[in-house]
All heavy atoms as atom14 arrays in JSON, in Angstrom:
{
  "sequence": "ALKEWAHIYQILPRLDAIFVPGGDPGHTAPKPMFAFLEKQRASLR",
  "atom14_mask": [
    [1, 1, 1, 1, 1, 0, 0, 0, 0, 0, 0, 0, 0, 0],
    [1, 1, 1, 1, 1, 1, 1, 1, 0, 0, 0, 0, 0, 0],
    [1, 1, 1, 1, 1, 1, 1, 1, 1, 0, 0, 0, 0, 0],
    [1, 1, 1, 1, 1, 1, 1, 1, 1, 0, 0, 0, 0, 0],
    [1, 1, 1, 1, 1, 1, 1, 1, 1, 1, 1, 1, 1, 1],
    [1, 1, 1, 1, 1, 0, 0, 0, 0, 0, 0, 0, 0, 0],
    [1, 1, 1, 1, 1, 1, 1, 1, 1, 1, 0, 0, 0, 0],
    [1, 1, 1, 1, 1, 1, 1, 1, 0, 0, 0, 0, 0, 0],
    [1, 1, 1, 1, 1, 1, 1, 1, 1, 1, 1, 1, 0, 0],
    [1, 1, 1, 1, 1, 1, 1, 1, 1, 0, 0, 0, 0, 0],
    [1, 1, 1, 1, 1, 1, 1, 1, 0, 0, 0, 0, 0, 0],
    [1, 1, 1, 1, 1, 1, 1, 1, 0, 0, 0, 0, 0, 0],
    [1, 1, 1, 1, 1, 1, 1, 0, 0, 0, 0, 0, 0, 0],
    [1, 1, 1, 1, 1, 1, 1, 1, 1, 1, 1, 0, 0, 0],
    [1, 1, 1, 1, 1, 1, 1, 1, 0, 0, 0, 0, 0, 0],
    [1, 1, 1, 1, 1, 1, 1, 1, 0, 0, 0, 0, 0, 0],
    [1, 1, 1, 1, 1, 0, 0, 0, 0, 0, 0, 0, 0, 0],
    [1, 1, 1, 1, 1, 1, 1, 1, 0, 0, 0, 0, 0, 0],
    [1, 1, 1, 1, 1, 1, 1, 1, 1, 1, 1, 0, 0, 0],
    [1, 1, 1, 1, 1, 1, 1, 0, 0, 0, 0, 0, 0, 0],
    [1, 1, 1, 1, 1, 1, 1, 0, 0, 0, 0, 0, 0, 0],
    [1, 1, 1, 1, 0, 0, 0, 0, 0, 0, 0, 0, 0, 0],
    [1, 1, 1, 1, 0, 0, 0, 0, 0, 0, 0, 0, 0, 0],
    [1, 1, 1, 1, 1, 1, 1, 1, 0, 0, 0, 0, 0, 0],
    [1, 1, 1, 1, 1, 1, 1, 0, 0, 0, 0, 0, 0, 0],
    [1, 1, 1, 1, 0, 0, 0, 0, 0, 0, 0, 0, 0, 0],
    [1, 1, 1, 1, 1, 1, 1, 1, 1, 1, 0, 0, 0, 0],
    [1, 1, 1, 1, 1, 1, 1, 0, 0, 0, 0, 0, 0, 0],
    [1, 1, 1, 1, 1, 0, 0, 0, 0, 0, 0, 0, 0, 0],
    [1, 1, 1, 1, 1, 1, 1, 0, 0, 0, 0, 0, 0, 0],
    [1, 1, 1, 1, 1, 1, 1, 1, 1, 0, 0, 0, 0, 0],
    [1, 1, 1, 1, 1, 1, 1, 0, 0, 0, 0, 0, 0, 0],
    [1, 1, 1, 1, 1, 1, 1, 1, 0, 0, 0, 0, 0, 0],
    [1, 1, 1, 1, 1, 1, 1, 1, 1, 1, 1, 0, 0, 0],
    [1, 1, 1, 1, 1, 0, 0, 0, 0, 0, 0, 0, 0, 0],
    [1, 1, 1, 1, 1, 1, 1, 1, 1, 1, 1, 0, 0, 0],
    [1, 1, 1, 1, 1, 1, 1, 1, 0, 0, 0, 0, 0, 0],
    [1, 1, 1, 1, 1, 1, 1, 1, 1, 0, 0, 0, 0, 0],
    [1, 1, 1, 1, 1, 1, 1, 1, 1, 0, 0, 0, 0, 0],
    [1, 1, 1, 1, 1, 1, 1, 1, 1, 0, 0, 0, 0, 0],
    [1, 1, 1, 1, 1, 1, 1, 1, 1, 1, 1, 0, 0, 0],
    [1, 1, 1, 1, 1, 0, 0, 0, 0, 0, 0, 0, 0, 0],
    [1, 1, 1, 1, 1, 1, 0, 0, 0, 0, 0, 0, 0, 0],
    [1, 1, 1, 1, 1, 1, 1, 1, 0, 0, 0, 0, 0, 0],
    [1, 1, 1, 1, 1, 1, 1, 1, 1, 1, 1, 0, 0, 0]
  ],
  "atom14_positions": [
    [[-91.0, 42.91, -46.03], [-91.39, 44.3, -46.29], [-92.87, 44.41, -46.62], [-93.53, 45.38, -46.22], [-90.55, 44.87, -47.43], [0.0, 0.0, 0.0], [0.0, 0.0, 0.0], [0.0, 0.0, 0.0], [0.0, 0.0, 0.0], [0.0, 0.0, 0.0], [0.0, 0.0, 0.0], [0.0, 0.0, 0.0], [0.0, 0.0, 0.0], [0.0, 0.0, 0.0]],
    [[-93.4, 43.45, -47.33], [-94.84, 43.46, -47.64], [-95.66, 43.42, -46.35], [-96.66, 44.14, -46.21], [-95.19, 42.29, -48.54], [-94.75, 42.38, -50.0], [-94.96, 41.05, -50.72], [-95.51, 43.5, -50.73], [0.0, 0.0, 0.0], [0.0, 0.0, 0.0], [0.0, 0.0, 0.0], [0.0, 0.0, 0.0], [0.0, 0.0, 0.0], [0.0, 0.0, 0.0]],
    [[-95.24, 42.62, -45.4], [-95.96, 42.53, -44.13], [-95.83, 43.83, -43.33], [-96.8, 44.32, -42.75], [-95.45, 41.34, -43.32], [-95.8, 39.98, -43.9], [-95.24, 38.85, -43.04], [-95.6, 37.49, -43.62], [-95.03, 36.38, -42.8], [0.0, 0.0, 0.0], [0.0, 0.0, 0.0], [0.0, 0.0, 0.0], [0.0, 0.0, 0.0], [0.0, 0.0, 0.0]],
    [[-94.61, 44.37, -43.31], [-94.38, 45.6, -42.55], [-95.21, 46.76, -43.1], [-95.87, 47.49, -42.35], [-92.89, 45.97, -42.59], [-92.56, 47.27, -41.87], [-91.12, 47.7, -42.09], [-90.31, 46.89, -42.59], [-90.8, 48.85, -41.76], [0.0, 0.0, 0.0], [0.0, 0.0, 0.0], [0.0, 0.0, 0.0], [0.0, 0.0, 0.0], [0.0, 0.0, 0.0]],
    [[-95.18, 46.95, -44.41], [-95.91, 48.06, -45.02], [-97.41, 47.83, -44.93], [-98.17, 48.78, -44.74], [-95.48, 48.25, -46.46], [-94.05, 48.7, -46.65], [-92.99, 48.46, -45.81], [-93.53, 49.44, -47.75], [-91.84, 48.99, -46.33], [-92.13, 49.61, -47.51], [-94.07, 49.95, -48.91], [-91.31, 50.29, -48.4], [-93.25, 50.64, -49.81], [-91.89, 50.81, -49.56]],
    [[-97.84, 46.58, -45.08], [-99.28, 46.28, -45.03], [-99.87, 46.66, -43.67], [-101.04, 47.08, -43.58], [-99.53, 44.8, -45.31], [0.0, 0.0, 0.0], [0.0, 0.0, 0.0], [0.0, 0.0, 0.0], [0.0, 0.0, 0.0], [0.0, 0.0, 0.0], [0.0, 0.0, 0.0], [0.0, 0.0, 0.0], [0.0, 0.0, 0.0], [0.0, 0.0, 0.0]],
    [[-99.08, 46.51, -42.62], [-99.57, 46.9, -41.29], [-99.89, 48.4, -41.27], [-100.93, 48.81, -40.73], [-98.51, 46.57, -40.24], [-98.82, 47.15, -38.89], [-99.88, 46.72, -38.12], [-98.2, 48.15, -38.18], [-99.91, 47.42, -36.99], [-98.91, 48.28, -37.01], [0.0, 0.0, 0.0], [0.0, 0.0, 0.0], [0.0, 0.0, 0.0], [0.0, 0.0, 0.0]],
    [[-99.03, 49.21, -41.87], [-99.28, 50.65, -41.92], [-100.51, 50.95, -42.77], [-101.35, 51.77, -42.41], [-98.04, 51.39, -42.46], [-96.84, 51.17, -41.54], [-98.34, 52.88, -42.62], [-97.03, 51.67, -40.12], [0.0, 0.0, 0.0], [0.0, 0.0, 0.0], [0.0, 0.0, 0.0], [0.0, 0.0, 0.0], [0.0, 0.0, 0.0], [0.0, 0.0, 0.0]],
    [[-100.62, 50.28, -43.93], [-101.8, 50.48, -44.77], [-103.08, 50.21, -43.97], [-104.07, 50.94, -44.07], [-101.79, 49.55, -45.98], [-100.57, 49.6, -46.87], [-100.21, 48.5, -47.65], [-99.78, 50.74, -46.95], [-99.1, 48.53, -48.48], [-98.67, 50.78, -47.78], [-98.34, 49.67, -48.55], [-97.25, 49.7, -49.37], [0.0, 0.0, 0.0], [0.0, 0.0, 0.0]],
    [[-103.05, 49.15, -43.2], [-104.25, 48.69, -42.51], [-104.68, 49.63, -41.39], [-105.89, 49.81, -41.17], [-104.0, 47.29, -41.94], [-105.22, 46.64, -41.31], [-104.95, 45.21, -40.87], [-103.8, 44.78, -40.8], [-106.0, 44.46, -40.6], [0.0, 0.0, 0.0], [0.0, 0.0, 0.0], [0.0, 0.0, 0.0], [0.0, 0.0, 0.0], [0.0, 0.0, 0.0]],
    [[-103.74, 50.23, -40.69], [-104.12, 51.02, -39.51], [-104.52, 52.45, -39.84], [-105.12, 53.13, -39.0], [-102.98, 51.05, -38.48], [-101.75, 51.76, -39.05], [-102.65, 49.64, -38.0], [-100.62, 51.93, -38.03], [0.0, 0.0, 0.0], [0.0, 0.0, 0.0], [0.0, 0.0, 0.0], [0.0, 0.0, 0.0], [0.0, 0.0, 0.0], [0.0, 0.0, 0.0]],
    [[-104.23, 52.93, -41.05], [-104.54, 54.31, -41.38], [-105.98, 54.46, -41.86], [-106.41, 53.73, -42.77], [-103.59, 54.84, -42.45], [-102.11, 54.93, -42.06], [-101.32, 55.6, -43.18], [-101.91, 55.68, -40.75], [0.0, 0.0, 0.0], [0.0, 0.0, 0.0], [0.0, 0.0, 0.0], [0.0, 0.0, 0.0], [0.0, 0.0, 0.0], [0.0, 0.0, 0.0]],
    [[-106.72, 55.4, -41.31], [-108.11, 55.59, -41.77], [-108.21, 56.13, -43.18], [-109.19, 55.89, -43.87], [-108.69, 56.57, -40.75], [-107.51, 57.23, -40.12], [-106.4, 56.23, -40.14], [0.0, 0.0, 0.0], [0.0, 0.0, 0.0], [0.0, 0.0, 0.0], [0.0, 0.0, 0.0], [0.0, 0.0, 0.0], [0.0, 0.0, 0.0], [0.0, 0.0, 0.0]],
    [[-107.17, 56.87, -43.62], [-107.17, 57.37, -45.0], [-105.77, 57.27, -45.57], [-104.79, 57.6, -44.92], [-107.65, 58.82, -45.06], [-107.6, 59.41, -46.48], [-108.34, 60.69, -46.61], [-108.37, 61.16, -47.99], [-109.29, 61.95, -48.5], [-110.3, 62.37, -47.74], [-109.26, 62.33, -49.76], [0.0, 0.0, 0.0], [0.0, 0.0, 0.0], [0.0, 0.0, 0.0]],
    [[-105.68, 56.82, -46.81], [-104.41, 56.74, -47.53], [-104.72, 56.81, -49.02], [-105.43, 55.97, -49.55], [-103.66, 55.46, -47.19], [-102.31, 55.24, -47.86], [-101.39, 56.43, -47.65], [-101.66, 53.96, -47.35], [0.0, 0.0, 0.0], [0.0, 0.0, 0.0], [0.0, 0.0, 0.0], [0.0, 0.0, 0.0], [0.0, 0.0, 0.0], [0.0, 0.0, 0.0]],
    [[-104.17, 57.83, -49.69], [-104.45, 58.04, -51.11], [-103.3, 57.71, -52.03], [-103.53, 57.41, -53.2], [-104.86, 59.51, -51.33], [-106.13, 59.87, -50.6], [-107.22, 59.6, -51.13], [-106.05, 60.41, -49.47], [0.0, 0.0, 0.0], [0.0, 0.0, 0.0], [0.0, 0.0, 0.0], [0.0, 0.0, 0.0], [0.0, 0.0, 0.0], [0.0, 0.0, 0.0]],
    [[-102.07, 57.75, -51.53], [-100.93, 57.48, -52.4], [-99.68, 57.16, -51.59], [-99.5, 57.67, -50.48], [-100.66, 58.67, -53.32], [0.0, 0.0, 0.0], [0.0, 0.0, 0.0], [0.0, 0.0, 0.0], [0.0, 0.0, 0.0], [0.0, 0.0, 0.0], [0.0, 0.0, 0.0], [0.0, 0.0, 0.0], [0.0, 0.0, 0.0], [0.0, 0.0, 0.0]],
    [[-98.83, 56.32, -52.17], [-97.51, 56.01, -51.64], [-96.47, 56.56, -52.61], [-96.58, 56.39, -53.83], [-97.3, 54.49, -51.49], [-98.31, 53.89, -50.51], [-95.87, 54.17, -51.06], [-98.08, 54.28, -49.08], [0.0, 0.0, 0.0], [0.0, 0.0, 0.0], [0.0, 0.0, 0.0], [0.0, 0.0, 0.0], [0.0, 0.0, 0.0], [0.0, 0.0, 0.0]],
    [[-95.46, 57.23, -52.06], [-94.33, 57.69, -52.86], [-93.07, 57.03, -52.32], [-92.7, 57.23, -51.17], [-94.22, 59.22, -52.81], [-92.85, 59.77, -53.14], [-92.07, 59.21, -54.16], [-92.34, 60.85, -52.45], [-90.82, 59.71, -54.46], [-91.08, 61.36, -52.73], [-90.32, 60.79, -53.74], [0.0, 0.0, 0.0], [0.0, 0.0, 0.0], [0.0, 0.0, 0.0]],
    [[-92.41, 56.24, -53.17], [-91.18, 55.55, -52.78], [-90.0, 56.19, -53.5], [-89.92, 56.14, -54.73], [-91.26, 54.04, -53.11], [-89.98, 53.34, -52.67], [-92.48, 53.41, -52.46], [0.0, 0.0, 0.0], [0.0, 0.0, 0.0], [0.0, 0.0, 0.0], [0.0, 0.0, 0.0], [0.0, 0.0, 0.0], [0.0, 0.0, 0.0], [0.0, 0.0, 0.0]],
    [[-89.07, 56.82, -52.76], [-87.9, 57.4, -53.41], [-86.91, 56.32, -53.82], [-86.69, 55.36, -53.07], [-87.31, 58.31, -52.32], [-87.74, 57.66, -51.03], [-89.09, 57.04, -51.31], [0.0, 0.0, 0.0], [0.0, 0.0, 0.0], [0.0, 0.0, 0.0], [0.0, 0.0, 0.0], [0.0, 0.0, 0.0], [0.0, 0.0, 0.0], [0.0, 0.0, 0.0]],
    [[-86.31, 56.47, -54.99], [-85.31, 55.5, -55.43], [-84.01, 55.61, -54.67], [-83.23, 54.67, -54.62], [0.0, 0.0, 0.0], [0.0, 0.0, 0.0], [0.0, 0.0, 0.0], [0.0, 0.0, 0.0], [0.0, 0.0, 0.0], [0.0, 0.0, 0.0], [0.0, 0.0, 0.0], [0.0, 0.0, 0.0], [0.0, 0.0, 0.0], [0.0, 0.0, 0.0]],
    [[-83.77, 56.79, -54.08], [-82.58, 57.02, -53.29], [-82.85, 58.11, -52.28], [-83.89, 58.75, -52.29], [0.0, 0.0, 0.0], [0.0, 0.0, 0.0], [0.0, 0.0, 0.0], [0.0, 0.0, 0.0], [0.0, 0.0, 0.0], [0.0, 0.0, 0.0], [0.0, 0.0, 0.0], [0.0, 0.0, 0.0], [0.0, 0.0, 0.0], [0.0, 0.0, 0.0]],
    [[-81.86, 58.31, -51.37], [-81.98, 59.35, -50.34], [-83.19, 59.16, -49.46], [-84.03, 60.07, -49.36], [-81.98, 60.74, -50.98], [-81.8, 61.85, -49.93], [-81.24, 61.58, -48.86], [-82.26, 62.98, -50.19], [0.0, 0.0, 0.0], [0.0, 0.0, 0.0], [0.0, 0.0, 0.0], [0.0, 0.0, 0.0], [0.0, 0.0, 0.0], [0.0, 0.0, 0.0]],
    [[-83.33, 58.03, -48.75], [-82.42, 56.88, -48.74], [-82.86, 55.81, -49.74], [-83.92, 55.92, -50.35], [-82.57, 56.38, -47.31], [-84.01, 56.63, -47.0], [-84.36, 57.91, -47.7], [0.0, 0.0, 0.0], [0.0, 0.0, 0.0], [0.0, 0.0, 0.0], [0.0, 0.0, 0.0], [0.0, 0.0, 0.0], [0.0, 0.0, 0.0], [0.0, 0.0, 0.0]],
    [[-82.07, 54.76, -49.83], [-82.37, 53.66, -50.73], [-81.25, 53.44, -51.71], [-80.49, 54.36, -52.03], [0.0, 0.0, 0.0], [0.0, 0.0, 0.0], [0.0, 0.0, 0.0], [0.0, 0.0, 0.0], [0.0, 0.0, 0.0], [0.0, 0.0, 0.0], [0.0, 0.0, 0.0], [0.0, 0.0, 0.0], [0.0, 0.0, 0.0], [0.0, 0.0, 0.0]],
    [[-81.14, 52.22, -52.2], [-80.05, 51.89, -53.13], [-80.44, 50.65, -53.95], [-79.64, 49.75, -54.13], [-78.75, 51.63, -52.35], [-78.93, 50.68, -51.2], [-79.27, 51.1, -49.94], [-78.87, 49.32, -51.13], [-79.38, 50.06, -49.15], [-79.14, 48.95, -49.85], [0.0, 0.0, 0.0], [0.0, 0.0, 0.0], [0.0, 0.0, 0.0], [0.0, 0.0, 0.0]],
    [[-81.67, 50.65, -54.44], [-82.16, 49.49, -55.2], [-82.21, 49.82, -56.68], [-82.74, 50.85, -57.08], [-83.56, 49.08, -54.71], [-83.5, 48.79, -53.31], [-84.07, 47.87, -55.46], [0.0, 0.0, 0.0], [0.0, 0.0, 0.0], [0.0, 0.0, 0.0], [0.0, 0.0, 0.0], [0.0, 0.0, 0.0], [0.0, 0.0, 0.0], [0.0, 0.0, 0.0]],
    [[-81.67, 48.94, -57.5], [-81.69, 49.12, -58.95], [-83.13, 49.11, -59.47], [-84.02, 48.55, -58.83], [-80.87, 48.03, -59.62], [0.0, 0.0, 0.0], [0.0, 0.0, 0.0], [0.0, 0.0, 0.0], [0.0, 0.0, 0.0], [0.0, 0.0, 0.0], [0.0, 0.0, 0.0], [0.0, 0.0, 0.0], [0.0, 0.0, 0.0], [0.0, 0.0, 0.0]],
    [[-83.37, 49.73, -60.63], [-84.75, 49.87, -61.12], [-85.51, 48.56, -61.27], [-86.67, 48.48, -60.87], [-84.55, 50.57, -62.47], [-83.29, 51.34, -62.32], [-82.41, 50.5, -61.45], [0.0, 0.0, 0.0], [0.0, 0.0, 0.0], [0.0, 0.0, 0.0], [0.0, 0.0, 0.0], [0.0, 0.0, 0.0], [0.0, 0.0, 0.0], [0.0, 0.0, 0.0]],
    [[-84.89, 47.53, -61.84], [-85.64, 46.3, -62.11], [-86.21, 45.67, -60.84], [-87.42, 45.41, -60.76], [-84.78, 45.32, -62.88], [-85.55, 44.09, -63.38], [-84.69, 43.21, -64.28], [-85.48, 42.01, -64.78], [-84.65, 41.14, -65.69], [0.0, 0.0, 0.0], [0.0, 0.0, 0.0], [0.0, 0.0, 0.0], [0.0, 0.0, 0.0], [0.0, 0.0, 0.0]],
    [[-85.39, 45.38, -59.81], [-85.97, 44.84, -58.58], [-86.89, 45.84, -57.86], [-87.84, 45.43, -57.19], [-84.76, 44.47, -57.73], [-83.62, 45.24, -58.3], [-83.92, 45.4, -59.75], [0.0, 0.0, 0.0], [0.0, 0.0, 0.0], [0.0, 0.0, 0.0], [0.0, 0.0, 0.0], [0.0, 0.0, 0.0], [0.0, 0.0, 0.0], [0.0, 0.0, 0.0]],
    [[-86.61, 47.13, -58.02], [-87.46, 48.13, -57.38], [-88.87, 48.11, -57.99], [-89.87, 48.09, -57.26], [-86.85, 49.53, -57.55], [-87.77, 50.66, -57.08], [-88.08, 50.67, -55.31], [-86.66, 51.6, -54.75], [0.0, 0.0, 0.0], [0.0, 0.0, 0.0], [0.0, 0.0, 0.0], [0.0, 0.0, 0.0], [0.0, 0.0, 0.0], [0.0, 0.0, 0.0]],
    [[-88.96, 48.06, -59.29], [-90.26, 48.02, -59.96], [-91.02, 46.75, -59.57], [-92.23, 46.79, -59.31], [-90.1, 48.12, -61.47], [-89.99, 49.52, -61.99], [-88.76, 50.08, -62.3], [-91.13, 50.29, -62.18], [-88.66, 51.38, -62.77], [-91.04, 51.59, -62.65], [-89.81, 52.14, -62.96], [0.0, 0.0, 0.0], [0.0, 0.0, 0.0], [0.0, 0.0, 0.0]],
    [[-90.32, 45.63, -59.55], [-90.98, 44.37, -59.17], [-91.51, 44.43, -57.74], [-92.62, 43.96, -57.45], [-90.0, 43.21, -59.34], [0.0, 0.0, 0.0], [0.0, 0.0, 0.0], [0.0, 0.0, 0.0], [0.0, 0.0, 0.0], [0.0, 0.0, 0.0], [0.0, 0.0, 0.0], [0.0, 0.0, 0.0], [0.0, 0.0, 0.0], [0.0, 0.0, 0.0]],
    [[-90.72, 45.03, -56.85], [-91.13, 45.17, -55.45], [-92.34, 46.09, -55.32], [-93.31, 45.78, -54.6], [-89.95, 45.69, -54.64], [-90.3, 46.08, -53.23], [-90.73, 45.14, -52.31], [-90.18, 47.41, -52.82], [-91.05, 45.51, -51.0], [-90.48, 47.78, -51.52], [-90.92, 46.83, -50.61], [0.0, 0.0, 0.0], [0.0, 0.0, 0.0], [0.0, 0.0, 0.0]],
    [[-92.32, 47.21, -56.01], [-93.42, 48.18, -55.9], [-94.71, 47.65, -56.52], [-95.8, 48.0, -56.06], [-93.02, 49.51, -56.54], [-91.85, 50.25, -55.87], [-91.68, 51.63, -56.48], [-92.07, 50.36, -54.37], [0.0, 0.0, 0.0], [0.0, 0.0, 0.0], [0.0, 0.0, 0.0], [0.0, 0.0, 0.0], [0.0, 0.0, 0.0], [0.0, 0.0, 0.0]],
    [[-94.6, 46.82, -57.54], [-95.81, 46.22, -58.1], [-96.5, 45.36, -57.05], [-97.74, 45.4, -56.92], [-95.46, 45.39, -59.33], [-96.7, 44.79, -60.01], [-96.37, 44.07, -61.3], [-95.16, 43.87, -61.6], [-97.31, 43.68, -62.02], [0.0, 0.0, 0.0], [0.0, 0.0, 0.0], [0.0, 0.0, 0.0], [0.0, 0.0, 0.0], [0.0, 0.0, 0.0]],
    [[-95.73, 44.63, -56.29], [-96.31, 43.81, -55.21], [-96.88, 44.7, -54.1], [-97.95, 44.43, -53.56], [-95.24, 42.87, -54.63], [-94.81, 41.74, -55.56], [-93.81, 40.83, -54.88], [-93.46, 39.6, -55.73], [-92.75, 39.98, -56.96], [0.0, 0.0, 0.0], [0.0, 0.0, 0.0], [0.0, 0.0, 0.0], [0.0, 0.0, 0.0], [0.0, 0.0, 0.0]],
    [[-96.17, 45.76, -53.79], [-96.65, 46.67, -52.75], [-97.96, 47.35, -53.17], [-98.85, 47.55, -52.34], [-95.6, 47.74, -52.43], [-94.45, 47.26, -51.57], [-94.86, 47.02, -50.12], [-96.03, 47.1, -49.75], [-93.89, 46.69, -49.29], [0.0, 0.0, 0.0], [0.0, 0.0, 0.0], [0.0, 0.0, 0.0], [0.0, 0.0, 0.0], [0.0, 0.0, 0.0]],
    [[-98.06, 47.69, -54.43], [-99.29, 48.34, -54.89], [-100.47, 47.39, -54.78], [-101.58, 47.8, -54.39], [-99.11, 48.82, -56.32], [-100.01, 49.98, -56.7], [-101.2, 49.51, -57.5], [-101.71, 50.58, -58.34], [-102.58, 50.42, -59.3], [-103.06, 49.23, -59.58], [-103.01, 51.44, -60.02], [0.0, 0.0, 0.0], [0.0, 0.0, 0.0], [0.0, 0.0, 0.0]],
    [[-100.28, 46.13, -55.1], [-101.35, 45.14, -54.96], [-101.75, 45.0, -53.49], [-102.95, 44.9, -53.16], [-100.9, 43.8, -55.52], [0.0, 0.0, 0.0], [0.0, 0.0, 0.0], [0.0, 0.0, 0.0], [0.0, 0.0, 0.0], [0.0, 0.0, 0.0], [0.0, 0.0, 0.0], [0.0, 0.0, 0.0], [0.0, 0.0, 0.0], [0.0, 0.0, 0.0]],
    [[-100.78, 45.01, -52.6], [-101.07, 44.94, -51.17], [-101.82, 46.19, -50.71], [-102.79, 46.11, -49.95], [-99.77, 44.78, -50.39], [-99.99, 44.88, -49.0], [0.0, 0.0, 0.0], [0.0, 0.0, 0.0], [0.0, 0.0, 0.0], [0.0, 0.0, 0.0], [0.0, 0.0, 0.0], [0.0, 0.0, 0.0], [0.0, 0.0, 0.0], [0.0, 0.0, 0.0]],
    [[-101.36, 47.34, -51.17], [-101.99, 48.62, -50.82], [-103.47, 48.64, -51.18], [-104.33, 49.08, -50.4], [-101.24, 49.75, -51.54], [-101.83, 51.15, -51.47], [-101.82, 51.67, -50.05], [-101.03, 52.09, -52.4], [0.0, 0.0, 0.0], [0.0, 0.0, 0.0], [0.0, 0.0, 0.0], [0.0, 0.0, 0.0], [0.0, 0.0, 0.0], [0.0, 0.0, 0.0]],
    [[-103.79, 48.14, -52.37], [-105.16, 48.17, -52.87], [-106.09, 47.25, -52.06], [-107.31, 47.42, -52.11], [-105.19, 47.77, -54.34], [-104.63, 48.85, -55.29], [-105.58, 50.03, -55.34], [-105.16, 51.09, -56.23], [-105.6, 51.29, -57.47], [-106.49, 50.44, -57.99], [-105.18, 52.31, -58.19], [0.0, 0.0, 0.0], [0.0, 0.0, 0.0], [0.0, 0.0, 0.0]]
  ]
}
């Protein structure tokens, strides 16, 4: 997922924020979700 999302980050000329819904769709419990998003935020930056 880090590789997939990083590709999108890289190709966009402008990106100011990512919003990840916890559900609709999605079904990840808070603890693994927070850990995943922390890694995604580092990749985004």
